[in-house]
Amino acid sequence: MVDSLVTEVAENLFSIRLPMPFGLDHINVYLLKETNGLALVDCGLDLPESREKLDEGLARLGLTPGQLTDIFVTHAHPDHIGQLERLRGLAPEARLYMHRREYQPLKERLTDRAGVALRMENWLERNGIPRSSSERMLEMGVNSAPDIHLEDRLLEGGEIFRFDKPAGESPFTSGHAPGGWEVLWTPGHTAGHFVLFNRERRLLLSGDHLLGSISSNIGKYPGSTADPLGDFLNSLQQISHLKIAEVLPAHGPTFTNYRERIDDLIGHHQVRLSKIYAALGNGPRTAAQVVETIWGDRARGFHRFLALVEALSHLERLRREGRVLVEETPTTVLYRSA
């Protein structure tokens, strides 16, 4: 089944393409029609057109949001978690699955907004962004953290879900389960990003970890892992060892040349490491000054924040490789070549 909204990408596995008002104009959410389950992987933005298209896509399959039994959120960016609160209201019995590393900083951000905002402003200022420029960077985000119900599960990685259990039982199982969907923790894009892999069907629901034509932002910021780029590259290597017939990403079409794509991404970040190292050639720089050198006028508003955290993840990787030294004062963090 193929149309502009709903595509059957594998047997009983459907992609629903939801619009986004950005340069990246869509997200693919996935619906698993299993024996005793109806699972949605990611939720789309909480905007009217996205809500309408999700409901329309389900309706084309003869379904409603209220029939969902399980909701997986690969990570907590707005295009992946935005409609979660609405869907939980329409399907109150649906079980939620998020990685623990993703949920904890999300909960902190939304229970201590003032404190988190102040700490973020201080962090931006130490990295070369004046307070007068930081407000625009902090506008985007998620406005609510989901409540965790008794039947929900905060994931660690390694869990396997089977949907052929009797109705009402949790699909979570331990040990190898033929036909099950395995949770693989793939930190890098965010601290708690995960993908879902079906070994028997050789299908990978890759979220934002592995995309066919673009690279996800790999940033270091409060709440990220200590070495996001290193984690991302290690996660890519983990995926490269799998036997995958098709990758089903959150953005763009499905693809099969995943090992070639992984090599491309690794090469992309190696080139960026070289450029960022070269940007330190004229002496110590703040991360913001590195951004100006490499991205210039292309990095403004929220894009400047994305460029900043991307630069910081690469600077941290260079530091761990012994190629960059960090100089900290009470007000500023500077980087220089070793």
Protein backbone atom coordinates (compact mmCIF):
# COMPACT_ATOMS: atom_id res chain seq x y z
CA MET A 1 0.00 0.00 0.00
CA VAL A 2 1.57 3.31 -1.07
CA ASP A 3 0.24 6.85 -1.11
CA SER A 4 1.55 10.25 -0.08
CA LEU A 5 0.55 9.71 3.54
CA VAL A 6 0.64 5.99 4.36
CA THR A 7 3.07 3.37 3.04
CA GLU A 8 3.18 -0.31 3.93
CA VAL A 9 6.96 -0.61 4.17
CA ALA A 10 6.84 -4.27 5.26
CA GLU A 11 4.12 -6.74 6.12
CA ASN A 12 1.87 -5.14 8.76
CA LEU A 13 4.37 -2.32 9.24
CA PHE A 14 3.26 1.11 8.02
CA SER A 15 4.97 4.47 7.67
CA ILE A 16 2.83 7.58 8.19
CA ARG A 17 4.44 10.75 6.86
CA LEU A 18 3.63 13.76 9.03
CA PRO A 19 4.40 17.37 7.97
CA MET A 20 6.82 19.71 9.71
CA PRO A 21 7.12 23.49 9.04
CA PHE A 22 10.92 23.46 8.74
CA GLY A 23 13.57 22.90 6.09
CA LEU A 24 13.26 19.25 7.08
CA ASP A 25 9.61 19.06 6.13
CA HIS A 26 8.40 15.70 7.46
CA ILE A 27 8.82 12.92 9.97
CA ASN A 28 7.98 9.27 9.40
CA VAL A 29 6.21 7.64 12.31
CA TYR A 30 5.70 3.87 12.16
CA LEU A 31 2.75 1.70 13.04
CA LEU A 32 3.26 -1.97 13.95
CA LYS A 33 0.10 -4.01 13.48
CA GLU A 34 1.00 -7.02 15.60
CA THR A 35 -0.98 -10.09 16.70
CA ASN A 36 -2.18 -8.57 19.96
CA GLY A 37 -0.86 -5.06 19.70
CA LEU A 38 -1.01 -1.82 17.78
CA ALA A 39 2.25 0.00 18.43
CA LEU A 40 3.23 3.48 17.28
CA VAL A 41 6.90 4.41 17.02
CA ASP A 42 7.24 8.20 17.54
CA CYS A 43 4.40 10.73 17.53
CA GLY A 44 5.05 13.77 15.34
CA LEU A 45 4.87 17.45 16.23
CA ASP A 46 1.99 18.73 18.32
CA LEU A 47 0.68 21.01 15.57
CA PRO A 48 -2.80 20.98 13.99
CA GLU A 49 -1.76 19.68 10.56
CA SER A 50 0.42 16.96 12.07
CA ARG A 51 -2.38 15.85 14.39
CA GLU A 52 -4.84 15.77 11.49
CA LYS A 53 -2.49 13.77 9.28
CA LEU A 54 -1.75 11.20 11.98
CA ASP A 55 -5.47 10.64 12.57
CA GLU A 56 -6.10 10.52 8.83
CA GLY A 57 -3.31 8.02 8.32
CA LEU A 58 -4.72 5.74 11.00
CA ALA A 59 -8.21 6.13 9.55
CA ARG A 60 -6.97 4.97 6.13
CA LEU A 61 -5.94 1.75 7.88
CA GLY A 62 -9.35 1.46 9.55
CA LEU A 63 -7.96 2.49 12.93
CA THR A 64 -8.24 5.27 15.51
CA PRO A 65 -5.67 6.62 18.01
CA GLY A 66 -7.75 5.13 20.82
CA GLN A 67 -6.83 1.62 19.64
CA LEU A 68 -3.11 2.06 20.28
CA THR A 69 -1.75 -0.43 22.81
CA ASP A 70 1.91 0.69 22.86
CA ILE A 71 3.84 3.89 22.11
CA PHE A 72 7.61 3.98 21.62
CA VAL A 73 9.44 7.33 21.73
CA THR A 74 12.91 6.93 20.26
CA HIS A 75 13.97 10.24 21.82
CA ALA A 76 12.39 13.36 23.28
CA HIS A 77 12.76 15.91 20.48
CA PRO A 78 9.50 17.73 19.68
CA ASP A 79 8.92 16.00 16.34
CA HIS A 80 9.13 12.60 18.03
CA ILE A 81 7.31 13.21 21.30
CA GLY A 82 5.06 16.19 20.51
CA GLN A 83 1.73 14.39 20.25
CA LEU A 84 2.36 11.98 23.09
CA GLU A 85 0.17 13.78 25.62
CA ARG A 86 -2.75 13.90 23.18
CA LEU A 87 -2.37 10.23 22.25
CA ARG A 88 -2.18 9.21 25.90
CA GLY A 89 -5.45 11.00 26.45
CA LEU A 90 -7.09 9.18 23.53
CA ALA A 91 -5.55 5.80 24.41
CA PRO A 92 -5.16 5.88 28.21
CA GLU A 93 -4.32 2.17 28.42
CA ALA A 94 -1.46 2.39 25.91
CA ARG A 95 1.93 1.53 27.40
CA LEU A 96 4.77 4.03 26.94
CA TYR A 97 8.41 3.13 26.30
CA MET A 98 11.25 5.67 26.59
CA HIS A 99 14.89 5.24 27.48
CA ARG A 100 15.72 6.14 31.08
CA ARG A 101 18.53 8.49 29.99
CA GLU A 102 16.02 10.41 27.87
CA TYR A 103 13.28 10.70 30.44
CA GLN A 104 15.30 11.89 33.43
CA PRO A 105 16.68 15.17 31.97
CA LEU A 106 13.30 15.82 30.32
CA LYS A 107 11.59 15.53 33.68
CA GLU A 108 14.18 17.80 35.28
CA ARG A 109 13.76 20.46 32.59
CA LEU A 110 10.02 20.55 33.11
CA THR A 111 9.95 20.46 36.91
CA ASP A 112 12.64 23.09 37.43
CA ARG A 113 12.17 25.37 34.43
CA ALA A 114 13.65 28.49 36.01
CA GLY A 115 16.69 26.69 37.39
CA VAL A 116 17.37 24.80 34.18
CA ALA A 117 16.97 27.99 32.08
CA LEU A 118 19.40 29.87 34.32
CA ARG A 119 21.95 27.08 34.17
CA MET A 120 21.60 26.94 30.39
CA GLU A 121 22.08 30.71 30.07
CA ASN A 122 25.23 30.47 32.22
CA TRP A 123 26.48 27.56 30.14
CA LEU A 124 25.88 29.43 26.87
CA GLU A 125 27.66 32.50 28.22
CA ARG A 126 30.70 30.45 29.29
CA ASN A 127 30.86 29.09 25.74
CA GLY A 128 30.82 32.52 24.15
CA ILE A 129 27.11 33.30 23.65
CA PRO A 130 26.09 36.52 25.43
CA ARG A 131 22.86 36.47 27.43
CA SER A 132 21.29 38.98 25.05
CA SER A 133 21.54 36.39 22.27
CA SER A 134 20.52 33.30 24.23
CA GLU A 135 16.75 33.79 24.57
CA ARG A 136 15.94 32.80 20.97
CA MET A 137 18.00 29.65 21.41
CA LEU A 138 15.92 28.52 24.36
CA GLU A 139 12.47 28.94 22.81
CA MET A 140 12.15 25.53 21.15
CA GLY A 141 11.42 22.51 23.31
CA VAL A 142 8.86 20.14 24.75
CA ASN A 143 6.20 21.63 27.00
CA SER A 144 5.29 18.58 29.07
CA ALA A 145 6.92 15.46 30.45
CA PRO A 146 4.80 12.31 30.33
CA ASP A 147 3.63 10.72 33.54
CA ILE A 148 5.01 7.21 33.92
CA HIS A 149 2.27 4.68 34.64
CA LEU A 150 2.68 1.29 36.27
CA GLU A 151 2.49 -0.49 32.90
CA ASP A 152 5.02 1.82 31.22
CA ARG A 153 8.70 1.02 31.00
CA LEU A 154 11.80 3.19 31.13
CA LEU A 155 14.27 1.33 28.95
CA GLU A 156 17.93 0.51 29.44
CA GLY A 157 18.62 -1.18 26.09
CA GLY A 158 18.57 -4.87 25.32
CA GLU A 159 14.84 -5.34 25.98
CA ILE A 160 12.84 -7.41 23.49
CA PHE A 161 9.16 -6.92 22.73
CA ARG A 162 6.85 -9.66 21.46
CA PHE A 163 3.30 -8.81 20.46
CA ASP A 164 1.97 -12.35 20.12
CA LYS A 165 1.34 -12.69 23.84
CA PRO A 166 -2.27 -12.84 25.06
CA ALA A 167 -4.10 -9.52 24.95
CA GLY A 168 -3.55 -7.54 28.13
CA GLU A 169 -0.10 -8.98 28.86
CA SER A 170 3.01 -6.86 28.55
CA PRO A 171 4.85 -7.52 25.28
CA PHE A 172 8.18 -7.27 27.13
CA THR A 173 10.09 -10.52 27.28
CA SER A 174 13.53 -11.56 28.50
CA GLY A 175 16.14 -13.44 26.52
CA HIS A 176 16.05 -14.14 22.79
CA ALA A 177 12.54 -14.06 21.35
CA PRO A 178 12.20 -15.02 17.67
CA GLY A 179 10.24 -12.35 15.83
CA GLY A 180 10.63 -9.83 18.63
CA TRP A 181 11.67 -6.20 18.36
CA GLU A 182 14.92 -5.53 20.22
CA VAL A 183 15.76 -2.20 21.82
CA LEU A 184 19.29 -1.04 20.97
CA TRP A 185 20.53 1.99 22.90
CA THR A 186 22.24 4.31 20.40
CA PRO A 187 23.36 7.46 22.26
CA GLY A 188 24.81 10.36 20.31
CA HIS A 189 21.99 12.40 18.79
CA THR A 190 20.57 12.41 22.32
CA ALA A 191 21.62 10.64 25.50
CA GLY A 192 18.70 8.21 25.45
CA HIS A 193 18.11 7.60 21.76
CA PHE A 194 17.23 4.02 20.87
CA VAL A 195 16.40 2.05 17.74
CA LEU A 196 14.25 -1.04 17.26
CA PHE A 197 15.61 -4.08 15.41
CA ASN A 198 13.81 -7.22 14.28
CA ARG A 199 16.51 -9.85 13.68
CA GLU A 200 14.28 -12.34 11.91
CA ARG A 201 12.79 -9.77 9.53
CA ARG A 202 16.10 -7.83 9.39
CA LEU A 203 14.31 -4.50 9.77
CA LEU A 204 15.74 -1.52 11.63
CA LEU A 205 13.53 1.34 12.84
CA SER A 206 16.40 3.80 13.10
CA GLY A 207 14.80 7.00 14.44
CA ASP A 208 17.26 9.87 13.94
CA HIS A 209 20.33 7.72 14.56
CA LEU A 210 20.84 6.57 10.99
CA LEU A 211 19.35 8.65 8.16
CA GLY A 212 19.77 8.08 4.46
CA SER A 213 20.88 11.49 3.20
CA ILE A 214 21.53 13.82 6.15
CA SER A 215 23.37 13.65 9.45
CA SER A 216 21.52 14.27 12.68
CA ASN A 217 22.85 16.98 14.97
CA ILE A 218 25.39 15.46 17.36
CA GLY A 219 25.70 17.98 20.19
CA LYS A 220 27.26 18.32 23.61
CA TYR A 221 25.09 20.29 26.06
CA PRO A 222 23.78 19.97 29.62
CA GLY A 223 21.96 16.64 29.73
CA SER A 224 23.90 15.03 26.88
CA THR A 225 26.36 12.20 27.42
CA ALA A 226 29.93 13.19 28.27
CA ASP A 227 31.23 12.35 24.77
CA PRO A 228 28.29 12.49 22.35
CA LEU A 229 30.32 12.22 19.15
CA GLY A 230 32.29 9.27 20.47
CA ASP A 231 29.04 7.63 21.55
CA PHE A 232 27.46 8.29 18.14
CA LEU A 233 30.40 6.79 16.25
CA ASN A 234 30.40 3.75 18.55
CA SER A 235 26.64 3.37 18.06
CA LEU A 236 27.12 3.45 14.29
CA GLN A 237 29.71 0.69 14.57
CA GLN A 238 27.24 -1.33 16.63
CA ILE A 239 24.65 -1.00 13.85
CA SER A 240 27.20 -1.86 11.15
CA HIS A 241 27.57 -5.38 12.58
CA LEU A 242 23.87 -6.16 12.21
CA LYS A 243 22.40 -7.99 9.24
CA ILE A 244 19.82 -5.51 7.98
CA ALA A 245 17.60 -5.88 4.93
CA GLU A 246 16.08 -2.39 5.20
CA VAL A 247 16.54 0.71 7.34
CA LEU A 248 13.34 2.60 8.18
CA PRO A 249 14.39 6.11 9.27
CA ALA A 250 12.44 8.93 10.89
CA HIS A 251 13.21 11.26 7.98
CA GLY A 252 13.55 10.41 4.30
CA PRO A 253 12.90 7.18 2.41
CA THR A 254 13.87 3.70 3.52
CA PHE A 255 17.24 2.43 2.33
CA THR A 256 19.37 -0.72 2.20
CA ASN A 257 22.99 0.49 1.78
CA TYR A 258 23.40 1.01 5.52
CA ARG A 259 27.08 0.07 5.78
CA GLU A 260 27.97 2.51 3.01
CA ARG A 261 25.88 5.16 4.74
CA ILE A 262 27.62 4.50 8.06
CA ASP A 263 31.01 4.90 6.36
CA ASP A 264 29.78 8.21 4.86
CA LEU A 265 28.71 9.50 8.27
CA ILE A 266 31.96 8.51 9.93
CA GLY A 267 33.85 10.25 7.11
CA HIS A 268 31.65 13.35 7.46
CA HIS A 269 32.50 13.69 11.13
CA GLN A 270 36.20 13.06 10.54
CA VAL A 271 36.20 15.97 8.07
CA ARG A 272 34.39 18.14 10.60
CA LEU A 273 36.91 17.23 13.30
CA SER A 274 39.67 18.40 10.96
CA LYS A 275 37.89 21.69 10.22
CA ILE A 276 37.26 22.41 13.89
CA TYR A 277 40.86 21.59 14.78
CA ALA A 278 42.04 23.94 12.02
CA ALA A 279 39.79 26.71 13.41
CA LEU A 280 42.00 26.75 16.52
CA GLY A 281 45.12 27.54 14.47
CA ASN A 282 45.24 31.20 15.47
CA GLY A 283 45.12 30.67 19.20
CA PRO A 284 42.55 29.85 21.90
CA ARG A 285 38.91 30.16 20.89
CA THR A 286 35.53 29.83 22.54
CA ALA A 287 33.15 27.34 20.98
CA ALA A 288 31.09 30.30 19.70
CA GLN A 289 34.14 31.69 17.90
CA VAL A 290 34.71 28.30 16.30
CA VAL A 291 31.10 28.40 15.09
CA GLU A 292 31.64 31.83 13.51
CA THR A 293 34.77 30.58 11.74
CA ILE A 294 33.11 27.49 10.26
CA TRP A 295 29.45 28.41 9.80
CA GLY A 296 29.44 32.22 9.75
CA ASP A 297 26.07 33.76 8.85
CA ARG A 298 24.50 30.35 8.23
CA ALA A 299 24.29 29.84 12.00
CA ARG A 300 21.73 32.26 13.39
CA GLY A 301 18.93 31.90 15.94
CA PHE A 302 18.26 28.30 16.92
CA HIS A 303 20.61 27.12 14.16
CA ARG A 304 23.40 28.85 16.05
CA PHE A 305 22.60 26.74 19.09
CA LEU A 306 22.70 23.58 16.98
CA ALA A 307 26.04 24.65 15.49
CA LEU A 308 27.39 25.45 18.95
CA VAL A 309 26.55 22.08 20.48
CA GLU A 310 27.84 20.32 17.35
CA ALA A 311 31.13 22.20 17.66
CA LEU A 312 31.34 21.31 21.35
CA SER A 313 30.84 17.60 20.71
CA HIS A 314 33.71 17.67 18.21
CA LEU A 315 35.93 19.74 20.51
CA GLU A 316 35.33 17.22 23.28
CA ARG A 317 36.26 14.34 20.96
CA LEU A 318 39.44 16.20 19.97
CA ARG A 319 40.22 16.76 23.65
CA ARG A 320 39.84 13.06 24.38
CA GLU A 321 42.12 12.28 21.46
CA GLY A 322 44.76 14.58 22.98
CA ARG A 323 44.65 17.07 20.11
CA VAL A 324 42.93 19.91 21.98
CA LEU A 325 43.42 21.44 25.43
CA VAL A 326 40.76 23.22 27.48
CA GLU A 327 41.39 26.41 29.44
CA GLU A 328 38.67 27.40 31.90
CA THR A 329 38.24 30.67 33.73
CA PRO A 330 35.33 31.56 36.05
CA THR A 331 33.50 33.11 33.07
CA THR A 332 34.80 31.44 29.89
CA VAL A 333 35.79 28.08 28.40
CA LEU A 334 38.55 28.30 25.78
CA TYR A 335 39.94 25.63 23.47
CA ARG A 336 43.37 25.54 21.87
CA SER A 337 45.32 23.01 19.87
CA ALA A 338 47.65 20.84 21.93
